Amino acid sequence: MAVMAIVCSEVGEDYFLQGIGNNIFTDGGEEEEREEPNTSYTETTFEMKASNPETSNKTITIEHSTGSSVDLVGLQVWRGALLLADFLLSHPEEVQGRRVVELAAGTGLTAVVAATLAAAVTATDVDRGDILALLGRNAGRNLGLMANPAAFAVMELDFFQQDWPAGLARAVEGSEVVLAADVVYNRDITKHFFLTLRRVLAAPRVALLAIERRQSDPRDSATTFASNFSYFEHELQLLQGEVLESGVEVEVEQVDTTFPQHFAYTRVQDTAVSAGRGL
């Protein structure tokens, strides 16, 4: 008998009632037609309270899973995405009128927030299960919020992928800001994430990263996330001052996370935003 572990994001604790899907107590229904038949989906409305009049008191509706297998955690909303979205709303100048790419965008919450301000957004993730389809559906739900909805694109980007399609390569090369939130949870993925990040930073641009330090990661009960977080920090430290093959020097700085909170979620102490800048 095969046993598959199901993990759940902590965000469900903050949006408990909305986090219960209509099918959570059933075994069948239309959910069985999805690529991930055991995943329960629901819609949650996230209210934005920002000083920017273009986004203040507007809401983002996100379809997401209430639990998933470890390899499909991109179907859930994680606190790192909310933290990075808060940062963008508190510092709109980081993305205002700029071309943005998000790595491992998951449900697309942060990408949608960026799109309320940016000139163009490309949301990327691995083509596994329902992840890319869900990302596209959530973009469609929130087109009315976007500054330039015609310039929002969903593309596949796998950290283990060596050859990028021409469209993806153009989107990355044309980007000015790169986003990534809570995208790593084991060493192998972390290693390839940083390989991808170095490739992305081969031209002068800004990368904004958000991650939460957990004592144990609900996405992988077989490992300790605190250990992987240390590995993530180690890789980030290696980037500081590194001169890439393209000649670009990377500058890494830790961002003060006392910026205003625009979404209702539990902002724990062990969350961080880092900015990597190719100079």
C-alpha atoms as a PDB file:
ATOM      1  CA  MET A   1       0.000   0.000   0.000  1.00  0.00           C
ATOM      2  CA  ALA A   2       1.372   3.425  -0.976  1.00  0.00           C
ATOM      3  CA  VAL A   3       0.992   6.187   1.603  1.00  0.00           C
ATOM      4  CA  MET A   4       1.252   9.823   0.537  1.00  0.00           C
ATOM      5  CA  ALA A   5       1.844  12.530   3.143  1.00  0.00           C
ATOM      6  CA  ILE A   6      -0.460  15.542   2.939  1.00  0.00           C
ATOM      7  CA  VAL A   7       0.871  18.863   4.216  1.00  0.00           C
ATOM      8  CA  CYS A   8      -1.003  22.076   4.942  1.00  0.00           C
ATOM      9  CA  SER A   9       0.129  25.693   4.933  1.00  0.00           C
ATOM     10  CA  GLU A  10      -0.024  27.638   8.200  1.00  0.00           C
ATOM     11  CA  VAL A  11      -2.039  30.334   6.406  1.00  0.00           C
ATOM     12  CA  GLY A  12      -5.036  28.062   6.867  1.00  0.00           C
ATOM     13  CA  GLU A  13      -4.919  28.952  10.562  1.00  0.00           C
ATOM     14  CA  ASP A  14      -5.548  32.611   9.692  1.00  0.00           C
ATOM     15  CA  TYR A  15      -8.236  31.935   7.082  1.00  0.00           C
ATOM     16  CA  PHE A  16      -9.766  28.849   8.651  1.00  0.00           C
ATOM     17  CA  LEU A  17     -13.381  29.234   7.586  1.00  0.00           C
ATOM     18  CA  GLN A  18     -12.480  30.232   4.059  1.00  0.00           C
ATOM     19  CA  GLY A  19      -9.943  27.438   3.950  1.00  0.00           C
ATOM     20  CA  ILE A  20     -12.590  24.713   3.996  1.00  0.00           C
ATOM     21  CA  GLY A  21     -13.550  23.638   0.506  1.00  0.00           C
ATOM     22  CA  ASN A  22     -17.003  22.367  -0.391  1.00  0.00           C
ATOM     23  CA  ASN A  23     -15.618  18.893  -1.069  1.00  0.00           C
ATOM     24  CA  ILE A  24     -13.367  18.468   1.942  1.00  0.00           C
ATOM     25  CA  PHE A  25     -15.670  15.864   3.534  1.00  0.00           C
ATOM     26  CA  THR A  26     -16.384  13.997   0.274  1.00  0.00           C
ATOM     27  CA  ASP A  27     -14.471  11.497  -1.811  1.00  0.00           C
ATOM     28  CA  GLY A  28     -15.740  12.400  -5.258  1.00  0.00           C
ATOM     29  CA  GLY A  29     -17.229  15.192  -7.302  1.00  0.00           C
ATOM     30  CA  GLU A  30     -15.636  17.335  -9.953  1.00  0.00           C
ATOM     31  CA  GLU A  31     -12.345  17.516  -8.045  1.00  0.00           C
ATOM     32  CA  GLU A  32     -11.600  13.968  -9.242  1.00  0.00           C
ATOM     33  CA  GLU A  33     -11.239  15.352 -12.765  1.00  0.00           C
ATOM     34  CA  ARG A  34      -8.245  17.471 -11.769  1.00  0.00           C
ATOM     35  CA  GLU A  35      -4.670  16.292 -12.239  1.00  0.00           C
ATOM     36  CA  GLU A  36      -4.281  16.065  -8.456  1.00  0.00           C
ATOM     37  CA  PRO A  37      -7.500  14.208  -7.473  1.00  0.00           C
ATOM     38  CA  ASN A  38      -6.912  14.193  -3.713  1.00  0.00           C
ATOM     39  CA  THR A  39      -6.429  17.947  -3.464  1.00  0.00           C
ATOM     40  CA  SER A  40      -9.222  20.082  -2.017  1.00  0.00           C
ATOM     41  CA  TYR A  41      -9.585  23.534  -3.544  1.00  0.00           C
ATOM     42  CA  THR A  42     -11.246  26.622  -2.175  1.00  0.00           C
ATOM     43  CA  GLU A  43     -11.289  30.363  -2.850  1.00  0.00           C
ATOM     44  CA  THR A  44     -10.021  32.851  -0.304  1.00  0.00           C
ATOM     45  CA  THR A  45     -10.453  36.611  -0.501  1.00  0.00           C
ATOM     46  CA  PHE A  46      -7.442  38.599   0.681  1.00  0.00           C
ATOM     47  CA  GLU A  47      -8.136  42.259   1.401  1.00  0.00           C
ATOM     48  CA  MET A  48      -5.410  44.777   0.586  1.00  0.00           C
ATOM     49  CA  LYS A  49      -5.112  47.778   2.868  1.00  0.00           C
ATOM     50  CA  ALA A  50      -2.453  49.952   1.317  1.00  0.00           C
ATOM     51  CA  SER A  51      -1.630  53.645   1.379  1.00  0.00           C
ATOM     52  CA  ASN A  52      -1.510  53.607  -2.418  1.00  0.00           C
ATOM     53  CA  PRO A  53      -4.978  54.757  -3.591  1.00  0.00           C
ATOM     54  CA  GLU A  54      -4.758  52.406  -6.570  1.00  0.00           C
ATOM     55  CA  THR A  55      -4.781  49.328  -4.323  1.00  0.00           C
ATOM     56  CA  SER A  56      -6.291  50.465  -1.012  1.00  0.00           C
ATOM     57  CA  ASN A  57      -9.257  48.385   0.208  1.00  0.00           C
ATOM     58  CA  LYS A  58      -9.273  46.185  -2.884  1.00  0.00           C
ATOM     59  CA  THR A  59      -9.405  42.424  -2.652  1.00  0.00           C
ATOM     60  CA  ILE A  60      -7.567  39.572  -4.326  1.00  0.00           C
ATOM     61  CA  THR A  61      -9.399  36.294  -4.813  1.00  0.00           C
ATOM     62  CA  ILE A  62      -7.144  33.255  -4.897  1.00  0.00           C
ATOM     63  CA  GLU A  63      -8.101  29.664  -5.573  1.00  0.00           C
ATOM     64  CA  HIS A  64      -5.788  27.350  -3.673  1.00  0.00           C
ATOM     65  CA  SER A  65      -5.573  23.934  -2.114  1.00  0.00           C
ATOM     66  CA  THR A  66      -6.176  23.270   1.562  1.00  0.00           C
ATOM     67  CA  GLY A  67      -3.526  20.567   1.580  1.00  0.00           C
ATOM     68  CA  SER A  68      -1.275  18.813  -0.901  1.00  0.00           C
ATOM     69  CA  SER A  69       1.529  16.339  -1.337  1.00  0.00           C
ATOM     70  CA  VAL A  70       5.024  17.726  -0.774  1.00  0.00           C
ATOM     71  CA  ASP A  71       5.817  18.016  -4.474  1.00  0.00           C
ATOM     72  CA  LEU A  72       2.679  20.114  -5.088  1.00  0.00           C
ATOM     73  CA  VAL A  73       3.027  22.668  -2.292  1.00  0.00           C
ATOM     74  CA  GLY A  74       2.819  25.401  -4.949  1.00  0.00           C
ATOM     75  CA  LEU A  75      -0.946  24.833  -4.897  1.00  0.00           C
ATOM     76  CA  GLN A  76      -1.100  26.423  -1.432  1.00  0.00           C
ATOM     77  CA  VAL A  77      -0.658  29.977  -0.134  1.00  0.00           C
ATOM     78  CA  TRP A  78       2.385  30.363   2.149  1.00  0.00           C
ATOM     79  CA  ARG A  79       3.243  33.183   4.538  1.00  0.00           C
ATOM     80  CA  GLY A  80       6.344  34.151   2.561  1.00  0.00           C
ATOM     81  CA  ALA A  81       4.090  35.171  -0.341  1.00  0.00           C
ATOM     82  CA  LEU A  82       2.043  37.416   1.948  1.00  0.00           C
ATOM     83  CA  LEU A  83       5.191  38.901   3.485  1.00  0.00           C
ATOM     84  CA  LEU A  84       6.660  39.742   0.078  1.00  0.00           C
ATOM     85  CA  ALA A  85       3.310  41.146  -1.061  1.00  0.00           C
ATOM     86  CA  ASP A  86       3.300  43.353   2.060  1.00  0.00           C
ATOM     87  CA  PHE A  87       6.776  44.569   1.163  1.00  0.00           C
ATOM     88  CA  LEU A  88       5.685  45.500  -2.365  1.00  0.00           C
ATOM     89  CA  LEU A  89       2.647  47.400  -1.111  1.00  0.00           C
ATOM     90  CA  SER A  90       4.820  49.207   1.446  1.00  0.00           C
ATOM     91  CA  HIS A  91       7.524  49.962  -1.152  1.00  0.00           C
ATOM     92  CA  PRO A  92       5.625  50.360  -4.442  1.00  0.00           C
ATOM     93  CA  GLU A  93       8.625  52.106  -6.004  1.00  0.00           C
ATOM     94  CA  GLU A  94      10.356  48.708  -6.191  1.00  0.00           C
ATOM     95  CA  VAL A  95       7.986  47.526  -8.944  1.00  0.00           C
ATOM     96  CA  GLN A  96       6.032  50.602 -10.070  1.00  0.00           C
ATOM     97  CA  GLY A  97       6.112  50.731 -13.861  1.00  0.00           C
ATOM     98  CA  ARG A  98       8.756  47.986 -14.065  1.00  0.00           C
ATOM     99  CA  ARG A  99       8.931  44.569 -15.716  1.00  0.00           C
ATOM    100  CA  VAL A 100       8.748  41.810 -13.117  1.00  0.00           C
ATOM    101  CA  VAL A 101       9.374  38.058 -13.122  1.00  0.00           C
ATOM    102  CA  GLU A 102       8.364  35.843 -10.205  1.00  0.00           C
ATOM    103  CA  LEU A 103      10.099  32.496  -9.681  1.00  0.00           C
ATOM    104  CA  ALA A 104       7.973  29.630  -8.330  1.00  0.00           C
ATOM    105  CA  ALA A 105       4.921  31.880  -8.141  1.00  0.00           C
ATOM    106  CA  GLY A 106       2.625  29.114  -6.862  1.00  0.00           C
ATOM    107  CA  THR A 107      -0.933  30.379  -6.556  1.00  0.00           C
ATOM    108  CA  GLY A 108       0.115  33.770  -7.923  1.00  0.00           C
ATOM    109  CA  LEU A 109      -0.819  35.955  -4.959  1.00  0.00           C
ATOM    110  CA  THR A 110       2.454  37.924  -4.918  1.00  0.00           C
ATOM    111  CA  ALA A 111       2.512  38.151  -8.716  1.00  0.00           C
ATOM    112  CA  VAL A 112      -0.995  39.639  -8.714  1.00  0.00           C
ATOM    113  CA  VAL A 113       0.010  42.201  -6.095  1.00  0.00           C
ATOM    114  CA  ALA A 114       3.043  43.112  -8.195  1.00  0.00           C
ATOM    115  CA  ALA A 115       0.795  43.428 -11.247  1.00  0.00           C
ATOM    116  CA  THR A 116      -1.294  46.119  -9.539  1.00  0.00           C
ATOM    117  CA  LEU A 117       1.778  48.348  -9.875  1.00  0.00           C
ATOM    118  CA  ALA A 118       4.118  46.891 -12.500  1.00  0.00           C
ATOM    119  CA  ALA A 119       4.214  47.493 -16.241  1.00  0.00           C
ATOM    120  CA  ALA A 120       4.463  43.747 -16.915  1.00  0.00           C
ATOM    121  CA  VAL A 121       4.574  40.563 -14.833  1.00  0.00           C
ATOM    122  CA  THR A 122       5.654  37.069 -15.823  1.00  0.00           C
ATOM    123  CA  ALA A 123       4.656  34.485 -13.214  1.00  0.00           C
ATOM    124  CA  THR A 124       6.619  31.239 -13.485  1.00  0.00           C
ATOM    125  CA  ASP A 125       6.529  27.845 -11.850  1.00  0.00           C
ATOM    126  CA  VAL A 126       7.220  24.194 -12.507  1.00  0.00           C
ATOM    127  CA  ASP A 127       4.801  22.378 -14.835  1.00  0.00           C
ATOM    128  CA  ARG A 128       3.661  19.757 -12.356  1.00  0.00           C
ATOM    129  CA  GLY A 129       0.150  18.678 -11.480  1.00  0.00           C
ATOM    130  CA  ASP A 130      -2.290  21.584 -11.561  1.00  0.00           C
ATOM    131  CA  ILE A 131       0.240  24.293 -10.602  1.00  0.00           C
ATOM    132  CA  LEU A 132       0.524  26.223 -13.885  1.00  0.00           C
ATOM    133  CA  ALA A 133      -3.194  25.859 -14.621  1.00  0.00           C
ATOM    134  CA  LEU A 134      -4.059  27.184 -11.140  1.00  0.00           C
ATOM    135  CA  LEU A 135      -1.663  30.086 -11.618  1.00  0.00           C
ATOM    136  CA  GLY A 136      -3.427  30.963 -14.860  1.00  0.00           C
ATOM    137  CA  ARG A 137      -6.876  30.715 -13.295  1.00  0.00           C
ATOM    138  CA  ASN A 138      -5.903  33.053 -10.465  1.00  0.00           C
ATOM    139  CA  ALA A 139      -4.484  35.569 -12.921  1.00  0.00           C
ATOM    140  CA  GLY A 140      -7.817  35.521 -14.752  1.00  0.00           C
ATOM    141  CA  ARG A 141      -9.734  36.078 -11.509  1.00  0.00           C
ATOM    142  CA  ASN A 142      -7.814  39.268 -10.774  1.00  0.00           C
ATOM    143  CA  LEU A 143      -7.296  40.916 -14.164  1.00  0.00           C
ATOM    144  CA  GLY A 144      -9.361  43.914 -13.077  1.00  0.00           C
ATOM    145  CA  LEU A 145      -6.787  44.800 -10.418  1.00  0.00           C
ATOM    146  CA  MET A 146      -3.812  44.828 -12.755  1.00  0.00           C
ATOM    147  CA  ALA A 147      -2.221  47.991 -14.098  1.00  0.00           C
ATOM    148  CA  ASN A 148      -1.659  46.272 -17.449  1.00  0.00           C
ATOM    149  CA  PRO A 149      -3.569  42.960 -17.585  1.00  0.00           C
ATOM    150  CA  ALA A 150      -2.512  42.290 -21.171  1.00  0.00           C
ATOM    151  CA  ALA A 151       1.108  42.178 -19.954  1.00  0.00           C
ATOM    152  CA  PHE A 152       0.569  39.405 -17.373  1.00  0.00           C
ATOM    153  CA  ALA A 153       1.964  36.060 -18.540  1.00  0.00           C
ATOM    154  CA  VAL A 154       2.259  32.585 -17.035  1.00  0.00           C
ATOM    155  CA  MET A 155       5.269  30.485 -18.075  1.00  0.00           C
ATOM    156  CA  GLU A 156       7.023  27.306 -17.011  1.00  0.00           C
ATOM    157  CA  LEU A 157      10.364  27.656 -15.255  1.00  0.00           C
ATOM    158  CA  ASP A 158      11.911  24.639 -13.554  1.00  0.00           C
ATOM    159  CA  PHE A 159      15.025  25.279 -11.425  1.00  0.00           C
ATOM    160  CA  PHE A 160      16.471  22.020 -12.808  1.00  0.00           C
ATOM    161  CA  GLN A 161      15.858  23.099 -16.408  1.00  0.00           C
ATOM    162  CA  GLN A 162      19.004  23.833 -18.436  1.00  0.00           C
ATOM    163  CA  ASP A 163      17.479  25.121 -21.664  1.00  0.00           C
ATOM    164  CA  TRP A 164      14.926  27.907 -21.434  1.00  0.00           C
ATOM    165  CA  PRO A 165      12.339  28.398 -24.193  1.00  0.00           C
ATOM    166  CA  ALA A 166      12.814  31.594 -26.188  1.00  0.00           C
ATOM    167  CA  GLY A 167       9.775  33.289 -24.657  1.00  0.00           C
ATOM    168  CA  LEU A 168      10.955  32.655 -21.104  1.00  0.00           C
ATOM    169  CA  ALA A 169      14.488  33.791 -21.918  1.00  0.00           C
ATOM    170  CA  ARG A 170      13.120  37.046 -23.372  1.00  0.00           C
ATOM    171  CA  ALA A 171      10.934  37.643 -20.317  1.00  0.00           C
ATOM    172  CA  VAL A 172      13.864  37.151 -17.926  1.00  0.00           C
ATOM    173  CA  GLU A 173      16.275  39.215 -20.030  1.00  0.00           C
ATOM    174  CA  GLY A 174      13.751  42.036 -20.226  1.00  0.00           C
ATOM    175  CA  SER A 175      12.931  42.008 -16.517  1.00  0.00           C
ATOM    176  CA  GLU A 176      14.051  44.624 -14.029  1.00  0.00           C
ATOM    177  CA  VAL A 177      12.816  42.966 -10.811  1.00  0.00           C
ATOM    178  CA  VAL A 178      12.722  39.288  -9.809  1.00  0.00           C
ATOM    179  CA  LEU A 179      10.573  37.962  -6.960  1.00  0.00           C
ATOM    180  CA  ALA A 180      10.695  34.679  -5.040  1.00  0.00           C
ATOM    181  CA  ALA A 181       8.803  33.755  -1.860  1.00  0.00           C
ATOM    182  CA  ASP A 182       9.087  30.589   0.238  1.00  0.00           C
ATOM    183  CA  VAL A 183      10.271  28.625  -2.771  1.00  0.00           C
ATOM    184  CA  VAL A 184      12.716  26.140  -1.214  1.00  0.00           C
ATOM    185  CA  TYR A 185      12.297  23.308   1.268  1.00  0.00           C
ATOM    186  CA  ASN A 186      15.168  20.879   0.672  1.00  0.00           C
ATOM    187  CA  ARG A 187      18.845  21.233  -0.176  1.00  0.00           C
ATOM    188  CA  ASP A 188      18.646  19.983  -3.725  1.00  0.00           C
ATOM    189  CA  ILE A 189      15.945  22.490  -4.657  1.00  0.00           C
ATOM    190  CA  THR A 190      17.806  25.226  -2.762  1.00  0.00           C
ATOM    191  CA  LYS A 191      20.983  24.459  -4.693  1.00  0.00           C
ATOM    192  CA  HIS A 192      19.220  24.673  -8.050  1.00  0.00           C
ATOM    193  CA  PHE A 193      17.268  27.746  -7.003  1.00  0.00           C
ATOM    194  CA  PHE A 194      20.547  29.601  -6.435  1.00  0.00           C
ATOM    195  CA  LEU A 195      21.913  28.347  -9.740  1.00  0.00           C
ATOM    196  CA  THR A 196      18.804  29.797 -11.373  1.00  0.00           C
ATOM    197  CA  LEU A 197      19.145  33.022  -9.377  1.00  0.00           C
ATOM    198  CA  ARG A 198      22.728  33.481 -10.553  1.00  0.00           C
ATOM    199  CA  ARG A 199      21.544  33.015 -14.115  1.00  0.00           C
ATOM    200  CA  VAL A 200      18.777  35.571 -13.585  1.00  0.00           C
ATOM    201  CA  LEU A 201      21.185  38.083 -12.018  1.00  0.00           C
ATOM    202  CA  ALA A 202      23.604  37.825 -14.939  1.00  0.00           C
ATOM    203  CA  ALA A 203      22.359  41.282 -15.960  1.00  0.00           C
ATOM    204  CA  PRO A 204      21.885  44.236 -13.555  1.00  0.00           C
ATOM    205  CA  ARG A 205      18.494  43.826 -11.870  1.00  0.00           C
ATOM    206  CA  VAL A 206      16.980  43.479  -8.397  1.00  0.00           C
ATOM    207  CA  ALA A 207      15.884  40.177  -6.820  1.00  0.00           C
ATOM    208  CA  LEU A 208      13.581  40.308  -3.788  1.00  0.00           C
ATOM    209  CA  LEU A 209      13.426  37.086  -1.756  1.00  0.00           C
ATOM    210  CA  ALA A 210      11.165  36.223   1.176  1.00  0.00           C
ATOM    211  CA  ILE A 211      11.461  33.102   3.306  1.00  0.00           C
ATOM    212  CA  GLU A 212      10.156  31.839   6.628  1.00  0.00           C
ATOM    213  CA  ARG A 213      12.336  29.918   9.041  1.00  0.00           C
ATOM    214  CA  ARG A 214      10.482  26.947  10.477  1.00  0.00           C
ATOM    215  CA  GLN A 215      11.736  24.602  13.170  1.00  0.00           C
ATOM    216  CA  SER A 216      10.107  21.797  11.222  1.00  0.00           C
ATOM    217  CA  ASP A 217       8.765  22.200   7.727  1.00  0.00           C
ATOM    218  CA  PRO A 218       5.162  21.026   7.248  1.00  0.00           C
ATOM    219  CA  ARG A 219       6.057  20.383   3.612  1.00  0.00           C
ATOM    220  CA  ASP A 220       8.607  17.685   4.383  1.00  0.00           C
ATOM    221  CA  SER A 221       8.324  15.832   7.675  1.00  0.00           C
ATOM    222  CA  ALA A 222      11.446  13.823   6.883  1.00  0.00           C
ATOM    223  CA  THR A 223      13.774  16.814   7.133  1.00  0.00           C
ATOM    224  CA  THR A 224      14.276  19.795   9.393  1.00  0.00           C
ATOM    225  CA  PHE A 225      13.650  23.123   7.749  1.00  0.00           C
ATOM    226  CA  ALA A 226      15.840  24.954  10.239  1.00  0.00           C
ATOM    227  CA  SER A 227      18.787  23.055   8.802  1.00  0.00           C
ATOM    228  CA  ASN A 228      17.758  23.894   5.243  1.00  0.00           C
ATOM    229  CA  PHE A 229      17.251  27.534   6.231  1.00  0.00           C
ATOM    230  CA  SER A 230      20.869  27.609   7.373  1.00  0.00           C
ATOM    231  CA  TYR A 231      21.874  26.184   4.008  1.00  0.00           C
ATOM    232  CA  PHE A 232      19.769  28.871   2.299  1.00  0.00           C
ATOM    233  CA  GLU A 233      21.497  31.550   4.390  1.00  0.00           C
ATOM    234  CA  HIS A 234      24.879  30.041   3.529  1.00  0.00           C
ATOM    235  CA  GLU A 235      24.117  30.167  -0.198  1.00  0.00           C
ATOM    236  CA  LEU A 236      22.875  33.741   0.156  1.00  0.00           C
ATOM    237  CA  GLN A 237      26.082  34.737   1.930  1.00  0.00           C
ATOM    238  CA  LEU A 238      28.118  33.212  -0.893  1.00  0.00           C
ATOM    239  CA  LEU A 239      26.305  35.512  -3.308  1.00  0.00           C
ATOM    240  CA  GLN A 240      27.365  38.631  -1.428  1.00  0.00           C
ATOM    241  CA  GLY A 241      30.066  40.342  -3.438  1.00  0.00           C
ATOM    242  CA  GLU A 242      30.264  37.510  -5.979  1.00  0.00           C
ATOM    243  CA  VAL A 243      31.240  38.530  -9.486  1.00  0.00           C
ATOM    244  CA  LEU A 244      29.260  36.414 -11.925  1.00  0.00           C
ATOM    245  CA  GLU A 245      30.606  35.144 -15.232  1.00  0.00           C
ATOM    246  CA  SER A 246      28.846  38.041 -16.966  1.00  0.00           C
ATOM    247  CA  GLY A 247      30.891  40.496 -14.897  1.00  0.00           C
ATOM    248  CA  VAL A 248      27.934  41.552 -12.750  1.00  0.00           C
ATOM    249  CA  GLU A 249      28.717  41.915  -9.033  1.00  0.00           C
ATOM    250  CA  VAL A 250      25.958  40.871  -6.629  1.00  0.00           C
ATOM    251  CA  GLU A 251      25.130  42.901  -3.551  1.00  0.00           C
ATOM    252  CA  VAL A 252      22.916  41.257  -0.901  1.00  0.00           C
ATOM    253  CA  GLU A 253      21.159  43.126   1.875  1.00  0.00           C
ATOM    254  CA  GLN A 254      18.715  42.100   4.584  1.00  0.00           C
ATOM    255  CA  VAL A 255      15.534  44.174   4.544  1.00  0.00           C
ATOM    256  CA  ASP A 256      13.948  45.488   7.739  1.00  0.00           C
ATOM    257  CA  THR A 257      10.631  43.611   8.088  1.00  0.00           C
ATOM    258  CA  THR A 258       8.919  46.183  10.293  1.00  0.00           C
ATOM    259  CA  PHE A 259       7.166  47.604   7.226  1.00  0.00           C
ATOM    260  CA  PRO A 260       3.353  47.898   7.485  1.00  0.00           C
ATOM    261  CA  GLN A 261       1.193  44.787   7.266  1.00  0.00           C
ATOM    262  CA  HIS A 262      -1.495  45.031   4.596  1.00  0.00           C
ATOM    263  CA  PHE A 263      -2.862  41.489   4.748  1.00  0.00           C
ATOM    264  CA  ALA A 264      -4.426  39.646   7.691  1.00  0.00           C
ATOM    265  CA  TYR A 265      -2.058  36.801   8.579  1.00  0.00           C
ATOM    266  CA  THR A 266       0.245  35.865  11.433  1.00  0.00           C
ATOM    267  CA  ARG A 267       3.584  37.496  10.714  1.00  0.00           C
ATOM    268  CA  VAL A 268       5.972  35.376  12.730  1.00  0.00           C
ATOM    269  CA  GLN A 269       9.341  36.612  13.930  1.00  0.00           C
ATOM    270  CA  ASP A 270      11.405  34.241  11.808  1.00  0.00           C
ATOM    271  CA  THR A 271      10.558  35.670   8.408  1.00  0.00           C
ATOM    272  CA  ALA A 272      12.970  37.577   6.234  1.00  0.00           C
ATOM    273  CA  VAL A 273      13.151  39.609   3.059  1.00  0.00           C
ATOM    274  CA  SER A 274      16.451  39.929   1.245  1.00  0.00           C
ATOM    275  CA  ALA A 275      17.351  42.056  -1.750  1.00  0.00           C
ATOM    276  CA  GLY A 276      19.968  40.896  -4.205  1.00  0.00           C
ATOM    277  CA  ARG A 277      21.134  43.513  -6.679  1.00  0.00           C
ATOM    278  CA  GLY A 278      23.250  42.936  -9.729  1.00  0.00           C
ATOM    279  CA  LEU A 279      25.511  45.939 -10.163  1.00  0.00           C
END
